[in-house]
Amino acid sequence: LWALQRSRTAAMIPPTTCEQAVSWVVFAIFVISSMVFLFRNSAADENFEGKGSAPSRRFRLVTAAITIIAAFFYFFMAQGFGIDVQTVGGQQKNFWWLRYADWLVTTPLLLLDLALIAGMDVWDTFALLVADVLMIAVGYVAGNPAYAHTWECFGVSMGFFLLTLYIIGEGMLEHADDPNTSEDKERVMKTLLWLTVLIWCTYPLYFVLEYSGVIKHNPAHRCLLVLLYGLSDVLAKAVFGFILLLNDDILHVAMPTGVTENIPMVTYNQPTVYSSQGVQ
């Protein structure tokens, strides 16, 4: 909170009315989505009670946490917190560092959702989350003009970005193409995967447009940039969550990371005991 207050006090270019309005709208969407997800969590517990509800509950809680956390960060950004002003080429530029804090928390949770659906191995899941965190951390350095290593760090961050997509894509497609996976589940898994891949690809595109100077640092372009990031955030988190939870009757059979769905039961014959009186 101290860092948020400090950044707001230091900001010399307050957010425009348009930027604040867009942030409030995105905040409201995440709040409404969170309420729907939590309500569905409560209702689904009754529907799935005694029918393997634990994995389904896992999806619903993680998905609700994503939108709740996103709403928390947008609440502060709508009020002008989490914005630093940097001077680049003699011009002052707003740097929304709180946006990176949001991604640092919510993107690992979103990837965890996908890993749980795919039943990915625990070490693959660990590598996935590490690659994602490094992508965001290096991306923060690239986006912060104070470090003056924009394009070098952007290239490194893109390397982790591609690694993240490779790990989750391989895990999801391997499970989706498994002969034991139903057609409905395969369809939902591929929908979630390609939605995530396509929406996530918009973030580096926005970065390039901003830092290459295509999007200027004027009120209209600044508002456009906030709108673009907000739209991608809503699609990547809220819409993703609705697709997942509206199909949790298909996905709730997925097992936790590192556990197979069908564990055969092995029975052992009791050993034969021989005695002087015969076989027992």
Protein backbone atom coordinates (compact mmCIF):
# COMPACT_ATOMS: atom_id res chain seq x y z
CA LEU A 1 0.00 0.00 0.00
CA TRP A 2 2.90 2.33 0.75
CA ALA A 3 4.32 1.68 -2.72
CA LEU A 4 0.93 2.40 -4.27
CA GLN A 5 0.61 5.68 -2.39
CA ARG A 6 4.17 6.67 -3.26
CA SER A 7 3.61 6.02 -6.96
CA ARG A 8 0.43 8.08 -6.94
CA THR A 9 2.13 10.98 -5.14
CA ALA A 10 5.06 10.89 -7.55
CA ALA A 11 2.89 10.73 -10.65
CA MET A 12 3.01 13.98 -12.58
CA ILE A 13 0.59 12.80 -15.30
CA PRO A 14 -2.65 11.64 -13.64
CA PRO A 15 -4.82 9.15 -15.54
CA THR A 16 -7.31 10.79 -17.86
CA THR A 17 -11.04 10.48 -17.28
CA CYS A 18 -11.17 8.01 -20.15
CA GLU A 19 -8.42 5.83 -18.65
CA GLN A 20 -10.15 5.81 -15.28
CA ALA A 21 -13.55 5.04 -16.81
CA VAL A 22 -12.16 2.07 -18.75
CA SER A 23 -10.43 0.76 -15.62
CA TRP A 24 -13.65 1.05 -13.59
CA VAL A 25 -15.59 -0.84 -16.27
CA VAL A 26 -13.02 -3.64 -16.29
CA PHE A 27 -13.09 -3.69 -12.48
CA ALA A 28 -16.90 -4.05 -12.56
CA ILE A 29 -16.69 -6.92 -15.06
CA PHE A 30 -14.25 -8.78 -12.84
CA VAL A 31 -16.38 -8.21 -9.73
CA ILE A 32 -19.51 -9.52 -11.47
CA SER A 33 -17.58 -12.49 -12.87
CA SER A 34 -16.20 -13.31 -9.42
CA MET A 35 -19.67 -13.25 -7.88
CA VAL A 36 -20.99 -15.58 -10.60
CA PHE A 37 -18.04 -17.95 -10.17
CA LEU A 38 -18.43 -18.06 -6.39
CA PHE A 39 -22.19 -18.61 -6.67
CA ARG A 40 -21.60 -21.43 -9.15
CA ASN A 41 -19.01 -22.87 -6.79
CA SER A 42 -21.60 -23.10 -4.04
CA ALA A 43 -24.33 -24.49 -6.32
CA ALA A 44 -22.03 -27.00 -8.01
CA ASP A 45 -20.90 -28.40 -4.67
CA GLU A 46 -24.46 -29.59 -4.11
CA ASN A 47 -24.79 -30.99 -7.64
CA PHE A 48 -21.50 -32.87 -7.55
CA GLU A 49 -21.60 -33.90 -3.92
CA GLY A 50 -20.36 -37.44 -3.67
CA LYS A 51 -19.58 -37.56 -7.39
CA GLY A 52 -15.94 -36.57 -7.45
CA SER A 53 -16.54 -32.87 -6.75
CA ALA A 54 -13.05 -32.20 -5.40
CA PRO A 55 -11.36 -31.74 -8.82
CA SER A 56 -14.24 -29.59 -10.06
CA ARG A 57 -14.10 -27.49 -6.90
CA ARG A 58 -10.39 -27.01 -7.55
CA PHE A 59 -11.10 -25.45 -10.96
CA ARG A 60 -13.86 -23.22 -9.64
CA LEU A 61 -11.85 -21.87 -6.71
CA VAL A 62 -8.75 -21.15 -8.82
CA THR A 63 -10.86 -19.47 -11.52
CA ALA A 64 -12.71 -17.31 -8.99
CA ALA A 65 -9.38 -16.34 -7.40
CA ILE A 66 -8.10 -15.10 -10.78
CA THR A 67 -10.96 -12.63 -11.30
CA ILE A 68 -11.02 -11.54 -7.63
CA ILE A 69 -7.32 -10.67 -7.73
CA ALA A 70 -7.70 -8.93 -11.10
CA ALA A 71 -10.58 -6.85 -9.69
CA PHE A 72 -8.39 -5.90 -6.72
CA PHE A 73 -5.63 -4.55 -8.96
CA TYR A 74 -8.01 -2.74 -11.32
CA PHE A 75 -9.66 -1.09 -8.32
CA PHE A 76 -6.35 0.60 -7.49
CA MET A 77 -5.42 1.37 -11.08
CA ALA A 78 -8.79 3.07 -11.63
CA GLN A 79 -7.90 5.48 -8.83
CA GLY A 80 -4.49 6.30 -10.28
CA PHE A 81 -2.38 4.05 -8.05
CA GLY A 82 0.49 1.96 -9.38
CA ILE A 83 1.55 4.44 -12.04
CA ASP A 84 5.05 5.89 -12.23
CA VAL A 85 6.16 8.67 -14.56
CA GLN A 86 9.40 8.16 -16.48
CA THR A 87 11.14 10.52 -18.89
CA VAL A 88 11.93 8.99 -22.27
CA GLY A 89 13.52 11.07 -25.01
CA GLY A 90 12.63 14.28 -23.19
CA GLN A 91 8.98 13.22 -22.87
CA GLN A 92 7.19 12.09 -19.75
CA LYS A 93 5.58 8.68 -19.97
CA ASN A 94 3.25 6.83 -17.61
CA PHE A 95 4.40 3.35 -16.62
CA TRP A 96 1.59 1.19 -15.20
CA TRP A 97 3.73 -1.08 -13.06
CA LEU A 98 0.71 -2.40 -11.12
CA ARG A 99 -0.39 -4.11 -14.32
CA TYR A 100 2.70 -6.34 -14.11
CA ALA A 101 1.94 -7.13 -10.46
CA ASP A 102 -1.51 -8.26 -11.55
CA TRP A 103 -0.08 -10.55 -14.23
CA LEU A 104 2.54 -11.91 -11.85
CA VAL A 105 -0.23 -13.28 -9.61
CA THR A 106 -3.05 -14.11 -12.02
CA THR A 107 -1.23 -15.72 -14.96
CA PRO A 108 0.29 -18.56 -12.86
CA LEU A 109 -3.20 -19.30 -11.51
CA LEU A 110 -4.64 -19.36 -15.02
CA LEU A 111 -1.90 -21.72 -16.17
CA LEU A 112 -2.52 -23.85 -13.09
CA ASP A 113 -6.14 -24.21 -14.21
CA LEU A 114 -4.98 -25.51 -17.59
CA ALA A 115 -2.39 -27.81 -16.02
CA LEU A 116 -5.03 -29.32 -13.75
CA ILE A 117 -7.34 -29.92 -16.72
CA ALA A 118 -4.53 -31.63 -18.62
CA GLY A 119 -3.40 -33.65 -15.58
CA MET A 120 0.15 -32.48 -16.22
CA ASP A 121 3.07 -33.95 -14.32
CA VAL A 122 4.09 -32.01 -11.22
CA TRP A 123 7.53 -31.13 -12.63
CA ASP A 124 6.10 -29.98 -15.95
CA THR A 125 3.69 -27.78 -14.00
CA PHE A 126 6.57 -26.40 -11.94
CA ALA A 127 8.58 -25.60 -15.10
CA LEU A 128 5.50 -23.96 -16.61
CA LEU A 129 4.95 -21.65 -13.66
CA VAL A 130 8.65 -20.74 -13.38
CA ALA A 131 8.79 -19.84 -17.09
CA ASP A 132 5.67 -17.69 -16.68
CA VAL A 133 7.00 -15.83 -13.63
CA LEU A 134 10.33 -15.14 -15.39
CA MET A 135 8.42 -13.91 -18.46
CA ILE A 136 6.52 -11.35 -16.36
CA ALA A 137 9.56 -10.32 -14.28
CA VAL A 138 11.78 -9.69 -17.31
CA GLY A 139 8.85 -8.05 -19.08
CA TYR A 140 8.57 -5.61 -16.18
CA VAL A 141 12.20 -4.60 -16.66
CA ALA A 142 11.59 -4.22 -20.40
CA GLY A 143 8.53 -2.04 -19.82
CA ASN A 144 10.09 0.22 -17.21
CA PRO A 145 11.94 3.02 -19.04
CA ALA A 146 14.10 3.62 -15.96
CA TYR A 147 16.14 0.49 -16.76
CA ALA A 148 16.83 1.55 -20.37
CA HIS A 149 16.98 -2.06 -21.64
CA THR A 150 13.60 -2.21 -23.33
CA TRP A 151 14.25 -4.33 -26.39
CA GLU A 152 16.94 -6.60 -24.94
CA CYS A 153 14.69 -7.57 -22.05
CA PHE A 154 11.68 -7.79 -24.34
CA GLY A 155 13.53 -10.41 -26.40
CA VAL A 156 14.38 -12.44 -23.27
CA SER A 157 10.81 -12.16 -22.03
CA MET A 158 9.53 -13.39 -25.40
CA GLY A 159 11.81 -16.42 -25.06
CA PHE A 160 10.12 -17.33 -21.76
CA PHE A 161 6.77 -16.53 -23.36
CA LEU A 162 7.33 -19.06 -26.14
CA LEU A 163 8.59 -21.63 -23.62
CA THR A 164 5.44 -21.14 -21.54
CA LEU A 165 3.18 -21.64 -24.55
CA TYR A 166 5.17 -24.71 -25.64
CA ILE A 167 4.87 -26.45 -22.25
CA ILE A 168 1.16 -25.78 -21.79
CA GLY A 169 0.38 -26.50 -25.45
CA GLU A 170 2.18 -29.84 -25.40
CA GLY A 171 0.52 -30.87 -22.12
CA MET A 172 -2.99 -29.86 -23.18
CA LEU A 173 -2.82 -31.37 -26.68
CA GLU A 174 -1.31 -34.61 -25.42
CA HIS A 175 -4.22 -35.08 -23.02
CA ALA A 176 -6.84 -33.87 -25.52
CA ASP A 177 -5.64 -36.35 -28.16
CA ASP A 178 -5.58 -39.25 -25.71
CA PRO A 179 -7.99 -42.02 -26.87
CA ASN A 180 -9.50 -42.12 -23.36
CA THR A 181 -10.48 -38.42 -23.53
CA SER A 182 -14.09 -37.84 -24.57
CA GLU A 183 -14.85 -35.70 -27.62
CA ASP A 184 -16.61 -33.09 -25.47
CA LYS A 185 -13.67 -32.76 -23.14
CA GLU A 186 -11.25 -32.59 -26.07
CA ARG A 187 -13.31 -29.78 -27.60
CA VAL A 188 -13.39 -27.74 -24.39
CA MET A 189 -9.68 -28.26 -23.73
CA LYS A 190 -8.69 -27.10 -27.19
CA THR A 191 -11.04 -24.11 -26.97
CA LEU A 192 -9.44 -23.00 -23.68
CA LEU A 193 -5.94 -23.59 -25.01
CA TRP A 194 -6.36 -21.64 -28.24
CA LEU A 195 -8.25 -18.84 -26.50
CA THR A 196 -5.32 -18.49 -24.09
CA VAL A 197 -2.68 -18.62 -26.84
CA LEU A 198 -4.41 -16.09 -29.09
CA ILE A 199 -5.23 -13.60 -26.33
CA TRP A 200 -1.79 -13.85 -24.75
CA CYS A 201 -0.22 -13.03 -28.12
CA THR A 202 -1.93 -9.64 -28.04
CA TYR A 203 0.12 -8.46 -25.03
CA PRO A 204 3.52 -8.39 -26.77
CA LEU A 205 1.78 -6.80 -29.77
CA TYR A 206 0.53 -3.93 -27.58
CA PHE A 207 4.02 -3.61 -26.08
CA VAL A 208 5.62 -3.27 -29.52
CA LEU A 209 3.01 -0.73 -30.65
CA GLU A 210 3.59 1.37 -27.53
CA TYR A 211 7.38 1.29 -27.31
CA SER A 212 8.00 1.60 -31.05
CA GLY A 213 6.06 4.86 -31.00
CA VAL A 214 3.07 3.73 -33.06
CA ILE A 215 0.85 4.45 -30.05
CA LYS A 216 1.78 7.96 -28.96
CA HIS A 217 1.84 9.33 -25.44
CA ASN A 218 -1.19 11.55 -25.80
CA PRO A 219 -4.55 11.29 -23.96
CA ALA A 220 -6.39 9.53 -26.81
CA HIS A 221 -3.68 6.93 -27.41
CA ARG A 222 -3.14 6.39 -23.69
CA CYS A 223 -6.84 5.62 -23.29
CA LEU A 224 -6.72 3.30 -26.31
CA LEU A 225 -3.84 1.38 -24.73
CA VAL A 226 -5.70 0.97 -21.42
CA LEU A 227 -8.75 -0.19 -23.36
CA LEU A 228 -6.73 -2.77 -25.32
CA TYR A 229 -5.06 -4.19 -22.21
CA GLY A 230 -8.38 -4.23 -20.36
CA LEU A 231 -10.11 -6.05 -23.22
CA SER A 232 -7.39 -8.71 -23.35
CA ASP A 233 -7.50 -9.11 -19.57
CA VAL A 234 -11.27 -9.66 -19.64
CA LEU A 235 -11.02 -12.21 -22.45
CA ALA A 236 -8.05 -14.03 -20.90
CA LYS A 237 -9.56 -14.25 -17.39
CA ALA A 238 -13.31 -13.67 -17.23
CA VAL A 239 -14.31 -15.22 -20.58
CA PHE A 240 -11.82 -18.05 -19.98
CA GLY A 241 -13.45 -18.65 -16.60
CA PHE A 242 -16.98 -18.73 -18.00
CA ILE A 243 -16.02 -21.27 -20.68
CA LEU A 244 -14.29 -23.46 -18.13
CA LEU A 245 -16.97 -23.36 -15.47
CA LEU A 246 -19.89 -23.76 -17.86
CA ASN A 247 -18.27 -27.04 -18.88
CA ASP A 248 -17.10 -28.27 -15.48
CA ASP A 249 -19.55 -31.18 -15.73
CA ILE A 250 -17.21 -32.41 -18.48
CA LEU A 251 -13.95 -31.38 -16.83
CA HIS A 252 -14.66 -32.26 -13.19
CA VAL A 253 -13.33 -35.79 -13.72
CA ALA A 254 -9.79 -34.46 -14.18
CA MET A 255 -7.40 -35.49 -11.45
CA PRO A 256 -4.86 -33.34 -9.59
CA THR A 257 -1.41 -32.82 -11.05
CA GLY A 258 0.62 -35.97 -11.27
CA VAL A 259 -2.29 -38.34 -10.62
CA THR A 260 -3.75 -40.58 -13.31
CA GLU A 261 -7.48 -40.69 -13.85
CA ASN A 262 -7.87 -44.46 -13.67
CA ILE A 263 -5.86 -46.26 -11.05
CA PRO A 264 -6.30 -50.03 -11.37
CA MET A 265 -6.91 -51.95 -8.19
CA VAL A 266 -4.54 -54.82 -7.65
CA THR A 267 -5.59 -57.79 -5.56
CA TYR A 268 -3.26 -60.33 -4.12
CA ASN A 269 -4.08 -63.97 -3.42
CA GLN A 270 -3.52 -65.06 0.11
CA PRO A 271 -0.42 -67.25 0.28
CA THR A 272 -1.01 -70.97 0.70
CA VAL A 273 0.11 -72.26 4.06
CA TYR A 274 1.33 -75.84 4.37
CA SER A 275 1.32 -77.76 7.61
CA SER A 276 1.63 -81.31 8.76
CA GLN A 277 -2.17 -81.57 8.67
CA GLY A 278 -2.44 -80.57 5.00
CA VAL A 279 -3.04 -77.44 3.00
CA GLN A 280 -4.76 -74.54 4.77
